[in-house]
PDB file of N, CA and C in Angstrom:
ATOM      1  N   MET A   1     125.062-135.131 -28.546  1.00  0.00           N
ATOM      2  CA  MET A   1     126.110-136.100 -29.533  1.00  0.00           C
ATOM      3  C   MET A   1     126.517-136.664 -28.367  1.00  0.00           C
ATOM      4  N   SER A   2     126.569-138.385 -28.600  1.00  0.00           N
ATOM      5  CA  SER A   2     127.269-138.617 -27.403  1.00  0.00           C
ATOM      6  C   SER A   2     128.352-139.254 -27.070  1.00  0.00           C
ATOM      7  N   GLY A   3     129.135-139.713 -26.216  1.00  0.00           N
ATOM      8  CA  GLY A   3     130.452-139.451 -26.057  1.00  0.00           C
ATOM      9  C   GLY A   3     131.120-140.735 -26.714  1.00  0.00           C
ATOM     10  N   ALA A   4     130.093-142.036 -27.058  1.00  0.00           N
ATOM     11  CA  ALA A   4     130.309-143.039 -27.831  1.00  0.00           C
ATOM     12  C   ALA A   4     131.217-142.938 -29.092  1.00  0.00           C
ATOM     13  N   PRO A   5     132.398-144.076 -29.481  1.00  0.00           N
ATOM     14  CA  PRO A   5     133.021-143.851 -30.611  1.00  0.00           C
ATOM     15  C   PRO A   5     132.033-144.244 -31.774  1.00  0.00           C
ATOM     16  N   MET A   6     131.827-144.123 -32.952  1.00  0.00           N
ATOM     17  CA  MET A   6     131.328-144.437 -34.028  1.00  0.00           C
ATOM     18  C   MET A   6     131.782-145.714 -34.255  1.00  0.00           C
ATOM     19  N   ALA A   7     130.997-146.779 -34.881  1.00  0.00           N
ATOM     20  CA  ALA A   7     131.326-148.100 -35.347  1.00  0.00           C
ATOM     21  C   ALA A   7     131.748-148.082 -36.625  1.00  0.00           C
ATOM     22  N   ASP A   8     132.057-148.968 -36.997  1.00  0.00           N
ATOM     23  CA  ASP A   8     131.858-149.369 -38.517  1.00  0.00           C
ATOM     24  C   ASP A   8     131.104-149.866 -38.597  1.00  0.00           C
ATOM     25  N   VAL A   9     130.375-150.096 -40.074  1.00  0.00           N
ATOM     26  CA  VAL A   9     129.370-150.457 -40.663  1.00  0.00           C
ATOM     27  C   VAL A   9     129.692-151.141 -42.080  1.00  0.00           C
ATOM     28  N   ILE A  10     129.168-152.777 -42.050  1.00  0.00           N
ATOM     29  CA  ILE A  10     129.275-153.341 -43.333  1.00  0.00           C
ATOM     30  C   ILE A  10     127.957-153.154 -43.745  1.00  0.00           C
ATOM     31  N   GLU A  11     127.868-152.488 -45.192  1.00  0.00           N
ATOM     32  CA  GLU A  11     126.757-152.766 -45.830  1.00  0.00           C
ATOM     33  C   GLU A  11     126.608-153.566 -46.885  1.00  0.00           C
ATOM     34  N   ILE A  12     125.401-154.113 -46.643  1.00  0.00           N
ATOM     35  CA  ILE A  12     124.768-155.048 -47.562  1.00  0.00           C
ATOM     36  C   ILE A  12     123.252-154.607 -48.271  1.00  0.00           C
ATOM     37  N   ARG A  13     123.588-154.191 -49.694  1.00  0.00           N
ATOM     38  CA  ARG A  13     122.631-153.493 -50.183  1.00  0.00           C
ATOM     39  C   ARG A  13     121.630-154.503 -51.131  1.00  0.00           C
ATOM     40  N   GLY A  14     120.878-154.387 -51.803  1.00  0.00           N
ATOM     41  CA  GLY A  14     119.837-155.231 -52.354  1.00  0.00           C
ATOM     42  C   GLY A  14     120.027-156.678 -52.451  1.00  0.00           C
ATOM     43  N   LEU A  15     120.101-157.267 -51.445  1.00  0.00           N
ATOM     44  CA  LEU A  15     119.890-158.640 -51.401  1.00  0.00           C
ATOM     45  C   LEU A  15     118.187-159.044 -51.481  1.00  0.00           C
ATOM     46  N   ARG A  16     118.506-159.859 -52.874  1.00  0.00           N
ATOM     47  CA  ARG A  16     117.189-160.362 -53.016  1.00  0.00           C
ATOM     48  C   ARG A  16     116.905-161.953 -53.312  1.00  0.00           C
ATOM     49  N   ALA A  17     115.688-162.721 -52.662  1.00  0.00           N
ATOM     50  CA  ALA A  17     114.845-163.962 -52.441  1.00  0.00           C
ATOM     51  C   ALA A  17     113.788-164.097 -52.679  1.00  0.00           C
ATOM     52  N   LEU A  18     113.149-164.839 -52.875  1.00  0.00           N
ATOM     53  CA  LEU A  18     111.920-165.102 -52.735  1.00  0.00           C
ATOM     54  C   LEU A  18     111.476-165.882 -51.741  1.00  0.00           C
ATOM     55  N   GLY A  19     110.420-165.544 -51.479  1.00  0.00           N
ATOM     56  CA  GLY A  19     109.882-166.111 -49.595  1.00  0.00           C
ATOM     57  C   GLY A  19     108.245-165.956 -49.661  1.00  0.00           C
ATOM     58  N   PHE A  20     107.674-166.522 -48.664  1.00  0.00           N
ATOM     59  CA  PHE A  20     106.383-166.568 -48.174  1.00  0.00           C
ATOM     60  C   PHE A  20     105.729-165.960 -47.341  1.00  0.00           C
ATOM     61  N   ILE A  21     105.849-164.393 -47.754  1.00  0.00           N
ATOM     62  CA  ILE A  21     105.465-163.191 -46.522  1.00  0.00           C
ATOM     63  C   ILE A  21     104.438-162.607 -47.194  1.00  0.00           C
ATOM     64  N   GLY A  22     103.464-162.812 -45.973  1.00  0.00           N
ATOM     65  CA  GLY A  22     102.751-161.771 -46.195  1.00  0.00           C
ATOM     66  C   GLY A  22     100.911-162.290 -45.423  1.00  0.00           C
ATOM     67  N   ALA A  23     100.029-161.144 -45.171  1.00  0.00           N
ATOM     68  CA  ALA A  23      98.992-161.391 -44.718  1.00  0.00           C
ATOM     69  C   ALA A  23      97.862-161.923 -45.132  1.00  0.00           C
ATOM     70  N   LEU A  24      97.499-161.878 -46.730  1.00  0.00           N
ATOM     71  CA  LEU A  24      96.906-162.505 -47.496  1.00  0.00           C
ATOM     72  C   LEU A  24      97.432-163.988 -48.143  1.00  0.00           C
ATOM     73  N   PRO A  25      95.800-164.576 -48.444  1.00  0.00           N
ATOM     74  CA  PRO A  25      96.105-165.804 -48.294  1.00  0.00           C
ATOM     75  C   PRO A  25      97.041-166.331 -49.538  1.00  0.00           C
ATOM     76  N   GLU A  26      96.637-165.403 -50.174  1.00  0.00           N
ATOM     77  CA  GLU A  26      97.338-166.225 -51.726  1.00  0.00           C
ATOM     78  C   GLU A  26      98.771-166.008 -51.332  1.00  0.00           C
ATOM     79  N   GLU A  27      99.301-164.925 -50.766  1.00  0.00           N
ATOM     80  CA  GLU A  27     100.781-164.851 -50.170  1.00  0.00           C
ATOM     81  C   GLU A  27     101.635-165.863 -49.478  1.00  0.00           C
ATOM     82  N   GLN A  28     100.473-166.359 -49.130  1.00  0.00           N
ATOM     83  CA  GLN A  28     101.304-167.578 -48.245  1.00  0.00           C
ATOM     84  C   GLN A  28     101.286-168.821 -49.025  1.00  0.00           C
ATOM     85  N   GLN A  29     100.887-168.762 -50.643  1.00  0.00           N
ATOM     86  CA  GLN A  29     100.696-169.951 -51.406  1.00  0.00           C
ATOM     87  C   GLN A  29     101.913-169.741 -52.842  1.00  0.00           C
ATOM     88  N   ARG A  30     102.302-168.896 -52.854  1.00  0.00           N
ATOM     89  CA  ARG A  30     103.133-168.071 -53.978  1.00  0.00           C
ATOM     90  C   ARG A  30     104.152-167.220 -53.320  1.00  0.00           C
ATOM     91  N   ARG A  31     105.022-168.061 -53.935  1.00  0.00           N
ATOM     92  CA  ARG A  31     106.703-167.317 -53.413  1.00  0.00           C
ATOM     93  C   ARG A  31     106.865-165.834 -53.953  1.00  0.00           C
ATOM     94  N   GLN A  32     107.080-164.798 -53.601  1.00  0.00           N
ATOM     95  CA  GLN A  32     106.983-163.630 -53.975  1.00  0.00           C
ATOM     96  C   GLN A  32     108.566-162.778 -53.900  1.00  0.00           C
ATOM     97  N   PRO A  33     108.679-161.675 -54.690  1.00  0.00           N
ATOM     98  CA  PRO A  33     110.333-161.285 -54.503  1.00  0.00           C
ATOM     99  C   PRO A  33     110.290-160.367 -53.382  1.00  0.00           C
ATOM    100  N   PHE A  34     111.457-160.490 -52.796  1.00  0.00           N
ATOM    101  CA  PHE A  34     111.730-159.275 -51.153  1.00  0.00           C
ATOM    102  C   PHE A  34     113.143-159.433 -51.731  1.00  0.00           C
ATOM    103  N   GLU A  35     113.341-157.730 -50.958  1.00  0.00           N
ATOM    104  CA  GLU A  35     114.827-157.014 -51.337  1.00  0.00           C
ATOM    105  C   GLU A  35     115.575-156.273 -49.339  1.00  0.00           C
ATOM    106  N   VAL A  36     116.395-157.097 -49.315  1.00  0.00           N
ATOM    107  CA  VAL A  36     116.949-157.162 -47.993  1.00  0.00           C
ATOM    108  C   VAL A  36     118.224-155.665 -48.099  1.00  0.00           C
ATOM    109  N   ASP A  37     117.989-155.075 -47.296  1.00  0.00           N
ATOM    110  CA  ASP A  37     119.523-154.067 -46.959  1.00  0.00           C
ATOM    111  C   ASP A  37     119.763-154.090 -45.787  1.00  0.00           C
ATOM    112  N   LEU A  38     121.020-154.252 -45.288  1.00  0.00           N
ATOM    113  CA  LEU A  38     121.614-154.749 -43.804  1.00  0.00           C
ATOM    114  C   LEU A  38     122.891-153.271 -43.874  1.00  0.00           C
ATOM    115  N   ASP A  39     122.524-152.552 -42.858  1.00  0.00           N
ATOM    116  CA  ASP A  39     123.880-151.695 -41.832  1.00  0.00           C
ATOM    117  C   ASP A  39     124.149-153.065 -40.748  1.00  0.00           C
ATOM    118  N   VAL A  40     125.702-153.421 -40.706  1.00  0.00           N
ATOM    119  CA  VAL A  40     125.739-153.882 -39.645  1.00  0.00           C
ATOM    120  C   VAL A  40     126.608-153.229 -39.204  1.00  0.00           C
ATOM    121  N   GLU A  41     126.630-153.043 -37.386  1.00  0.00           N
ATOM    122  CA  GLU A  41     127.693-152.443 -37.194  1.00  0.00           C
ATOM    123  C   GLU A  41     128.339-153.131 -35.984  1.00  0.00           C
ATOM    124  N   ALA A  42     129.934-153.159 -36.290  1.00  0.00           N
ATOM    125  CA  ALA A  42     131.058-153.684 -35.809  1.00  0.00           C
ATOM    126  C   ALA A  42     132.276-152.634 -35.978  1.00  0.00           C
ATOM    127  N   ASP A  43     133.172-153.065 -34.658  1.00  0.00           N
ATOM    128  CA  ASP A  43     134.832-153.531 -34.604  1.00  0.00           C
ATOM    129  C   ASP A  43     135.421-153.748 -36.037  1.00  0.00           C
ATOM    130  N   LEU A  44     135.991-153.237 -37.024  1.00  0.00           N
ATOM    131  CA  LEU A  44     136.413-153.705 -38.051  1.00  0.00           C
ATOM    132  C   LEU A  44     137.830-153.392 -37.991  1.00  0.00           C
ATOM    133  N   SER A  45     138.387-152.454 -36.906  1.00  0.00           N
ATOM    134  CA  SER A  45     139.647-152.092 -36.889  1.00  0.00           C
ATOM    135  C   SER A  45     140.775-153.528 -37.134  1.00  0.00           C
ATOM    136  N   ALA A  46     140.289-154.379 -36.345  1.00  0.00           N
ATOM    137  CA  ALA A  46     141.260-155.480 -36.217  1.00  0.00           C
ATOM    138  C   ALA A  46     141.479-155.863 -37.942  1.00  0.00           C
ATOM    139  N   ALA A  47     140.444-156.096 -38.808  1.00  0.00           N
ATOM    140  CA  ALA A  47     140.369-156.955 -39.853  1.00  0.00           C
ATOM    141  C   ALA A  47     140.859-155.415 -40.879  1.00  0.00           C
ATOM    142  N   GLY A  48     140.855-154.389 -40.820  1.00  0.00           N
ATOM    143  CA  GLY A  48     141.664-153.322 -41.580  1.00  0.00           C
ATOM    144  C   GLY A  48     143.501-153.592 -40.980  1.00  0.00           C
ATOM    145  N   SER A  49     143.352-153.968 -40.042  1.00  0.00           N
ATOM    146  CA  SER A  49     145.157-153.988 -39.363  1.00  0.00           C
ATOM    147  C   SER A  49     145.328-155.322 -40.476  1.00  0.00           C
ATOM    148  N   SER A  50     144.709-156.704 -39.873  1.00  0.00           N
ATOM    149  CA  SER A  50     145.295-158.131 -40.291  1.00  0.00           C
ATOM    150  C   SER A  50     145.178-158.168 -42.177  1.00  0.00           C
ATOM    151  N   ASP A  51     143.966-157.871 -42.365  1.00  0.00           N
ATOM    152  CA  ASP A  51     143.580-158.019 -43.873  1.00  0.00           C
ATOM    153  C   ASP A  51     143.051-159.659 -43.709  1.00  0.00           C
ATOM    154  N   ASP A  52     142.400-159.816 -42.569  1.00  0.00           N
ATOM    155  CA  ASP A  52     142.239-161.598 -42.210  1.00  0.00           C
ATOM    156  C   ASP A  52     140.917-161.711 -42.212  1.00  0.00           C
ATOM    157  N   LEU A  53     140.288-162.007 -43.114  1.00  0.00           N
ATOM    158  CA  LEU A  53     138.675-162.868 -42.638  1.00  0.00           C
ATOM    159  C   LEU A  53     137.922-162.929 -41.790  1.00  0.00           C
ATOM    160  N   ASP A  54     138.895-164.009 -40.822  1.00  0.00           N
ATOM    161  CA  ASP A  54     138.592-164.332 -39.428  1.00  0.00           C
ATOM    162  C   ASP A  54     138.157-162.731 -38.097  1.00  0.00           C
ATOM    163  N   ASP A  55     138.854-161.702 -38.858  1.00  0.00           N
ATOM    164  CA  ASP A  55     138.767-160.356 -37.999  1.00  0.00           C
ATOM    165  C   ASP A  55     137.452-159.538 -38.584  1.00  0.00           C
ATOM    166  N   THR A  56     136.968-160.353 -39.317  1.00  0.00           N
ATOM    167  CA  THR A  56     135.730-159.003 -39.384  1.00  0.00           C
ATOM    168  C   THR A  56     134.547-160.330 -39.409  1.00  0.00           C
ATOM    169  N   ILE A  57     133.509-159.699 -39.877  1.00  0.00           N
ATOM    170  CA  ILE A  57     131.790-160.510 -40.064  1.00  0.00           C
ATOM    171  C   ILE A  57     132.048-160.947 -41.461  1.00  0.00           C
ATOM    172  N   ASP A  58     131.915-162.083 -41.966  1.00  0.00           N
ATOM    173  CA  ASP A  58     132.082-162.804 -43.236  1.00  0.00           C
ATOM    174  C   ASP A  58     130.483-162.490 -44.083  1.00  0.00           C
ATOM    175  N   TYR A  59     130.677-161.367 -45.085  1.00  0.00           N
ATOM    176  CA  TYR A  59     129.780-160.830 -45.313  1.00  0.00           C
ATOM    177  C   TYR A  59     128.547-161.980 -46.407  1.00  0.00           C
ATOM    178  N   GLY A  60     129.351-162.883 -47.411  1.00  0.00           N
ATOM    179  CA  GLY A  60     129.125-163.925 -48.012  1.00  0.00           C
ATOM    180  C   GLY A  60     128.130-164.741 -46.735  1.00  0.00           C
ATOM    181  N   ALA A  61     128.502-165.308 -45.802  1.00  0.00           N
ATOM    182  CA  ALA A  61     127.682-166.047 -44.636  1.00  0.00           C
ATOM    183  C   ALA A  61     126.962-165.115 -44.198  1.00  0.00           C
ATOM    184  N   LEU A  62     127.231-164.141 -43.879  1.00  0.00           N
ATOM    185  CA  LEU A  62     125.613-163.551 -43.403  1.00  0.00           C
ATOM    186  C   LEU A  62     124.862-163.129 -44.767  1.00  0.00           C
ATOM    187  N   CYS A  63     125.274-163.195 -45.691  1.00  0.00           N
ATOM    188  CA  CYS A  63     123.887-163.281 -46.970  1.00  0.00           C
ATOM    189  C   CYS A  63     123.590-164.568 -46.968  1.00  0.00           C
ATOM    190  N   ALA A  64     124.463-165.755 -46.664  1.00  0.00           N
ATOM    191  CA  ALA A  64     123.116-166.601 -46.747  1.00  0.00           C
ATOM    192  C   ALA A  64     122.788-166.960 -45.774  1.00  0.00           C
ATOM    193  N   ASN A  65     123.208-166.733 -44.544  1.00  0.00           N
ATOM    194  CA  ASN A  65     122.041-166.699 -43.288  1.00  0.00           C
ATOM    195  C   ASN A  65     120.584-165.761 -43.422  1.00  0.00           C
ATOM    196  N   VAL A  66     121.144-164.459 -44.062  1.00  0.00           N
ATOM    197  CA  VAL A  66     120.045-163.821 -44.283  1.00  0.00           C
ATOM    198  C   VAL A  66     118.357-164.621 -45.107  1.00  0.00           C
ATOM    199  N   GLU A  67     119.000-164.520 -46.285  1.00  0.00           N
ATOM    200  CA  GLU A  67     118.671-165.715 -47.328  1.00  0.00           C
ATOM    201  C   GLU A  67     117.684-166.739 -46.940  1.00  0.00           C
ATOM    202  N   ALA A  68     118.552-167.534 -45.900  1.00  0.00           N
ATOM    203  CA  ALA A  68     118.003-168.827 -45.401  1.00  0.00           C
ATOM    204  C   ALA A  68     116.813-167.815 -44.711  1.00  0.00           C
ATOM    205  N   VAL A  69     116.611-167.091 -44.252  1.00  0.00           N
ATOM    206  CA  VAL A  69     115.132-166.795 -43.160  1.00  0.00           C
ATOM    207  C   VAL A  69     114.208-166.528 -44.536  1.00  0.00           C
ATOM    208  N   LEU A  70     114.866-165.853 -45.569  1.00  0.00           N
ATOM    209  CA  LEU A  70     113.666-165.206 -46.562  1.00  0.00           C
ATOM    210  C   LEU A  70     112.557-166.406 -47.134  1.00  0.00           C
ATOM    211  N   THR A  71     113.780-167.632 -47.371  1.00  0.00           N
ATOM    212  CA  THR A  71     113.435-168.349 -48.344  1.00  0.00           C
ATOM    213  C   THR A  71     113.086-169.500 -47.488  1.00  0.00           C
ATOM    214  N   ASP A  72     113.300-169.637 -46.498  1.00  0.00           N
ATOM    215  CA  ASP A  72     113.240-170.976 -45.183  1.00  0.00           C
ATOM    216  C   ASP A  72     111.743-171.034 -44.269  1.00  0.00           C
ATOM    217  N   GLU A  73     111.702-169.579 -44.064  1.00  0.00           N
ATOM    218  CA  GLU A  73     110.809-169.358 -42.841  1.00  0.00           C
ATOM    219  C   GLU A  73     109.203-168.669 -43.028  1.00  0.00           C
ATOM    220  N   ARG A  74     108.299-168.685 -42.961  1.00  0.00           N
ATOM    221  CA  ARG A  74     106.839-168.350 -43.182  1.00  0.00           C
ATOM    222  C   ARG A  74     106.637-166.966 -42.227  1.00  0.00           C
ATOM    223  N   ALA A  75     106.542-165.884 -42.874  1.00  0.00           N
ATOM    224  CA  ALA A  75     105.343-164.716 -42.216  1.00  0.00           C
ATOM    225  C   ALA A  75     104.425-163.882 -42.821  1.00  0.00           C
ATOM    226  N   ALA A  76     103.372-163.354 -41.604  1.00  0.00           N
ATOM    227  CA  ALA A  76     102.761-162.648 -42.203  1.00  0.00           C
ATOM    228  C   ALA A  76     102.861-161.298 -42.187  1.00  0.00           C
ATOM    229  N   LEU A  77     103.905-161.055 -41.220  1.00  0.00           N
ATOM    230  CA  LEU A  77     104.484-159.485 -41.492  1.00  0.00           C
ATOM    231  C   LEU A  77     106.075-159.335 -41.939  1.00  0.00           C
ATOM    232  N   MET A  78     106.166-158.483 -42.757  1.00  0.00           N
ATOM    233  CA  MET A  78     107.707-158.189 -42.808  1.00  0.00           C
ATOM    234  C   MET A  78     108.266-157.486 -41.206  1.00  0.00           C
ATOM    235  N   GLU A  79     107.562-156.956 -40.551  1.00  0.00           N
ATOM    236  CA  GLU A  79     108.298-156.568 -39.070  1.00  0.00           C
ATOM    237  C   GLU A  79     108.934-158.131 -38.514  1.00  0.00           C
ATOM    238  N   ARG A  80     107.781-158.989 -38.584  1.00  0.00           N
ATOM    239  CA  ARG A  80     108.914-160.130 -38.290  1.00  0.00           C
ATOM    240  C   ARG A  80     109.901-160.452 -38.767  1.00  0.00           C
ATOM    241  N   VAL A  81     109.866-160.966 -40.302  1.00  0.00           N
ATOM    242  CA  VAL A  81     111.233-161.420 -40.490  1.00  0.00           C
ATOM    243  C   VAL A  81     112.491-160.446 -40.625  1.00  0.00           C
ATOM    244  N   ALA A  82     112.031-158.964 -40.467  1.00  0.00           N
ATOM    245  CA  ALA A  82     113.273-158.140 -39.887  1.00  0.00           C
ATOM    246  C   ALA A  82     113.874-158.612 -38.565  1.00  0.00           C
ATOM    247  N   GLN A  83     112.649-158.561 -37.738  1.00  0.00           N
ATOM    248  CA  GLN A  83     113.164-158.906 -36.513  1.00  0.00           C
ATOM    249  C   GLN A  83     114.226-160.233 -36.476  1.00  0.00           C
ATOM    250  N   ARG A  84     113.953-161.357 -37.401  1.00  0.00           N
ATOM    251  CA  ARG A  84     114.108-162.921 -37.449  1.00  0.00           C
ATOM    252  C   ARG A  84     115.687-162.279 -37.911  1.00  0.00           C
ATOM    253  N   ILE A  85     115.676-161.738 -39.089  1.00  0.00           N
ATOM    254  CA  ILE A  85     117.134-161.044 -39.954  1.00  0.00           C
ATOM    255  C   ILE A  85     117.879-160.931 -38.702  1.00  0.00           C
ATOM    256  N   ALA A  86     117.245-160.023 -37.845  1.00  0.00           N
ATOM    257  CA  ALA A  86     118.452-158.924 -36.981  1.00  0.00           C
ATOM    258  C   ALA A  86     118.587-159.740 -36.118  1.00  0.00           C
ATOM    259  N   GLU A  87     117.862-160.828 -35.466  1.00  0.00           N
ATOM    260  CA  GLU A  87     118.217-161.772 -34.601  1.00  0.00           C
ATOM    261  C   GLU A  87     119.060-162.623 -35.231  1.00  0.00           C
ATOM    262  N   VAL A  88     119.383-163.413 -36.372  1.00  0.00           N
ATOM    263  CA  VAL A  88     120.355-163.846 -37.065  1.00  0.00           C
ATOM    264  C   VAL A  88     121.727-163.147 -37.300  1.00  0.00           C
ATOM    265  N   VAL A  89     121.621-161.865 -37.724  1.00  0.00           N
ATOM    266  CA  VAL A  89     122.910-160.867 -37.300  1.00  0.00           C
ATOM    267  C   VAL A  89     123.338-160.925 -35.958  1.00  0.00           C
ATOM    268  N   LEU A  90     122.612-160.541 -35.043  1.00  0.00           N
ATOM    269  CA  LEU A  90     123.127-160.335 -33.630  1.00  0.00           C
ATOM    270  C   LEU A  90     123.192-161.649 -32.902  1.00  0.00           C
ATOM    271  N   ALA A  91     123.417-162.661 -33.831  1.00  0.00           N
ATOM    272  CA  ALA A  91     123.593-164.237 -33.212  1.00  0.00           C
ATOM    273  C   ALA A  91     125.407-164.228 -33.167  1.00  0.00           C
ATOM    274  N   ASP A  92     125.885-163.472 -34.245  1.00  0.00           N
ATOM    275  CA  ASP A  92     127.646-163.074 -33.506  1.00  0.00           C
ATOM    276  C   ASP A  92     127.481-161.839 -33.400  1.00  0.00           C
ATOM    277  N   GLU A  93     128.521-162.148 -32.035  1.00  0.00           N
ATOM    278  CA  GLU A  93     129.019-160.984 -31.074  1.00  0.00           C
ATOM    279  C   GLU A  93     129.714-159.876 -31.450  1.00  0.00           C
ATOM    280  N   ARG A  94     130.428-160.072 -32.218  1.00  0.00           N
ATOM    281  CA  ARG A  94     130.758-158.697 -33.251  1.00  0.00           C
ATOM    282  C   ARG A  94     130.099-157.772 -33.525  1.00  0.00           C
ATOM    283  N   ALA A  95     128.689-158.517 -33.840  1.00  0.00           N
ATOM    284  CA  ALA A  95     128.125-157.540 -34.355  1.00  0.00           C
ATOM    285  C   ALA A  95     127.021-156.181 -33.364  1.00  0.00           C
ATOM    286  N   LEU A  96     127.742-155.491 -33.480  1.00  0.00           N
ATOM    287  CA  LEU A  96     126.874-154.781 -32.286  1.00  0.00           C
ATOM    288  C   LEU A  96     125.737-153.740 -32.239  1.00  0.00           C
ATOM    289  N   ALA A  97     125.557-153.749 -33.639  1.00  0.00           N
ATOM    290  CA  ALA A  97     123.941-153.244 -34.187  1.00  0.00           C
ATOM    291  C   ALA A  97     123.633-153.456 -35.621  1.00  0.00           C
ATOM    292  N   VAL A  98     122.481-153.427 -35.794  1.00  0.00           N
ATOM    293  CA  VAL A  98     122.182-154.122 -37.157  1.00  0.00           C
ATOM    294  C   VAL A  98     120.573-153.319 -37.515  1.00  0.00           C
ATOM    295  N   THR A  99     121.057-152.336 -38.563  1.00  0.00           N
ATOM    296  CA  THR A  99     119.753-151.713 -39.206  1.00  0.00           C
ATOM    297  C   THR A  99     119.326-152.998 -40.478  1.00  0.00           C
ATOM    298  N   VAL A 100     118.306-153.308 -40.175  1.00  0.00           N
ATOM    299  CA  VAL A 100     117.692-154.496 -41.393  1.00  0.00           C
ATOM    300  C   VAL A 100     116.106-153.578 -42.065  1.00  0.00           C
ATOM    301  N   THR A 101     116.224-153.222 -43.522  1.00  0.00           N
ATOM    302  CA  THR A 101     115.399-152.734 -44.280  1.00  0.00           C
ATOM    303  C   THR A 101     114.996-154.120 -45.211  1.00  0.00           C
ATOM    304  N   VAL A 102     113.751-154.325 -45.063  1.00  0.00           N
ATOM    305  CA  VAL A 102     113.067-155.286 -45.892  1.00  0.00           C
ATOM    306  C   VAL A 102     111.749-154.960 -46.800  1.00  0.00           C
ATOM    307  N   ARG A 103     112.043-155.005 -47.962  1.00  0.00           N
ATOM    308  CA  ARG A 103     111.020-154.500 -49.108  1.00  0.00           C
ATOM    309  C   ARG A 103     110.732-155.493 -49.633  1.00  0.00           C
ATOM    310  N   LYS A 104     109.370-155.361 -49.854  1.00  0.00           N
ATOM    311  CA  LYS A 104     108.443-156.199 -50.906  1.00  0.00           C
ATOM    312  C   LYS A 104     108.553-155.529 -52.183  1.00  0.00           C
ATOM    313  N   LEU A 105     108.824-156.210 -53.500  1.00  0.00           N
ATOM    314  CA  LEU A 105     109.201-155.858 -54.404  1.00  0.00           C
ATOM    315  C   LEU A 105     107.640-155.990 -55.411  1.00  0.00           C
ATOM    316  N   ARG A 106     106.760-156.442 -55.232  1.00  0.00           N
ATOM    317  CA  ARG A 106     105.408-156.492 -55.843  1.00  0.00           C
ATOM    318  C   ARG A 106     104.076-156.441 -54.501  1.00  0.00           C
ATOM    319  N   PRO A 107     103.895-155.482 -54.153  1.00  0.00           N
ATOM    320  CA  PRO A 107     103.001-155.346 -52.900  1.00  0.00           C
ATOM    321  C   PRO A 107     101.457-155.538 -53.976  1.00  0.00           C
ATOM    322  N   PRO A 108     100.639-156.611 -52.888  1.00  0.00           N
ATOM    323  CA  PRO A 108      99.585-156.901 -53.605  1.00  0.00           C
ATOM    324  C   PRO A 108      98.662-155.666 -52.648  1.00  0.00           C
ATOM    325  N   VAL A 109      98.809-154.650 -53.758  1.00  0.00           N
ATOM    326  CA  VAL A 109      97.107-153.404 -53.699  1.00  0.00           C
ATOM    327  C   VAL A 109      97.062-152.583 -54.370  1.00  0.00           C
ATOM    328  N   PRO A 110      96.142-151.894 -54.500  1.00  0.00           N
ATOM    329  CA  PRO A 110      95.598-151.901 -55.951  1.00  0.00           C
ATOM    330  C   PRO A 110      96.044-150.224 -56.725  1.00  0.00           C
ATOM    331  N   GLN A 111      96.757-149.734 -55.731  1.00  0.00           N
ATOM    332  CA  GLN A 111      97.808-148.661 -56.181  1.00  0.00           C
ATOM    333  C   GLN A 111      98.863-148.846 -56.864  1.00  0.00           C
ATOM    334  N   HIS A 112      99.630-148.098 -57.703  1.00  0.00           N
ATOM    335  CA  HIS A 112     100.364-148.333 -58.220  1.00  0.00           C
ATOM    336  C   HIS A 112     101.781-147.817 -57.344  1.00  0.00           C
ATOM    337  N   LEU A 113     102.525-148.977 -56.898  1.00  0.00           N
ATOM    338  CA  LEU A 113     103.642-148.646 -55.992  1.00  0.00           C
ATOM    339  C   LEU A 113     104.732-149.488 -56.308  1.00  0.00           C
ATOM    340  N   ASP A 114     106.122-149.150 -56.265  1.00  0.00           N
ATOM    341  CA  ASP A 114     107.151-149.583 -56.682  1.00  0.00           C
ATOM    342  C   ASP A 114     107.889-150.704 -55.999  1.00  0.00           C
ATOM    343  N   THR A 115     107.773-150.345 -54.282  1.00  0.00           N
ATOM    344  CA  THR A 115     107.823-151.408 -53.282  1.00  0.00           C
ATOM    345  C   THR A 115     106.653-151.171 -51.921  1.00  0.00           C
ATOM    346  N   SER A 116     106.898-151.630 -51.161  1.00  0.00           N
ATOM    347  CA  SER A 116     106.818-151.366 -49.568  1.00  0.00           C
ATOM    348  C   SER A 116     107.909-152.127 -49.006  1.00  0.00           C
ATOM    349  N   GLY A 117     107.789-151.647 -47.312  1.00  0.00           N
ATOM    350  CA  GLY A 117     108.448-152.024 -46.811  1.00  0.00           C
ATOM    351  C   GLY A 117     108.835-151.470 -45.609  1.00  0.00           C
ATOM    352  N   ILE A 118     109.948-152.076 -44.302  1.00  0.00           N
ATOM    353  CA  ILE A 118     109.943-151.494 -43.389  1.00  0.00           C
ATOM    354  C   ILE A 118     111.575-151.247 -42.841  1.00  0.00           C
ATOM    355  N   ARG A 119     111.695-150.955 -42.357  1.00  0.00           N
ATOM    356  CA  ARG A 119     113.383-150.737 -41.481  1.00  0.00           C
ATOM    357  C   ARG A 119     113.076-150.450 -39.989  1.00  0.00           C
ATOM    358  N   ILE A 120     114.104-151.555 -39.677  1.00  0.00           N
ATOM    359  CA  ILE A 120     114.134-151.862 -37.891  1.00  0.00           C
ATOM    360  C   ILE A 120     115.527-151.293 -37.401  1.00  0.00           C
ATOM    361  N   ARG A 121     115.937-151.524 -36.547  1.00  0.00           N
ATOM    362  CA  ARG A 121     117.521-151.108 -35.594  1.00  0.00           C
ATOM    363  C   ARG A 121     117.035-151.996 -34.218  1.00  0.00           C
ATOM    364  N   ARG A 122     118.030-152.551 -34.702  1.00  0.00           N
ATOM    365  CA  ARG A 122     118.018-153.782 -33.353  1.00  0.00           C
ATOM    366  C   ARG A 122     119.914-153.883 -32.968  1.00  0.00           C
ATOM    367  N   GLU A 123     120.062-153.989 -31.448  1.00  0.00           N
ATOM    368  CA  GLU A 123     121.359-153.779 -30.674  1.00  0.00           C
ATOM    369  C   GLU A 123     121.488-155.120 -30.049  1.00  0.00           C
ATOM    370  N   GLN A 124     122.572-155.528 -29.741  1.00  0.00           N
ATOM    371  CA  GLN A 124     123.130-156.505 -29.010  1.00  0.00           C
ATOM    372  C   GLN A 124     122.355-156.166 -27.306  1.00  0.00           C
ATOM    373  N   PRO A 125     121.973-157.048 -26.911  1.00  0.00           N
ATOM    374  CA  PRO A 125     121.260-157.209 -25.397  1.00  0.00           C
ATOM    375  C   PRO A 125     122.782-156.489 -24.785  1.00  0.00           C
ATOM    376  N   ARG A 126     122.603-155.768 -23.652  1.00  0.00           N
ATOM    377  CA  ARG A 126     123.534-154.972 -22.497  1.00  0.00           C
ATOM    378  C   ARG A 126     123.847-155.814 -21.331  1.00  0.00           C
TER     379      ARG A 126
END
């Protein structure tokens, strides 16, 4: 275990939107449902003391920005979408790191599969 203190976490679960994400041609023709989870590591102590929205990362704005990536950008891979979401989250320097999970809710495979997805973790550049 490192000597670094553990960061506080803002959790976003089950953010759903329709997007053009997929390697198959038909996936680029019709929007598909996706779900995103975020764990945003940040120091939330000031907000805990002040009870002021300006002292934290506004999760409403965070959700709107993530939704914009899903609905406005096209990608062949969920990995690309997760990377773009991480970049958007980390644009706020108060976000120290983020874990992004992207799930395709109806993956186009012949097997019975509830979801397919990926998870990445990115940190602020040092």
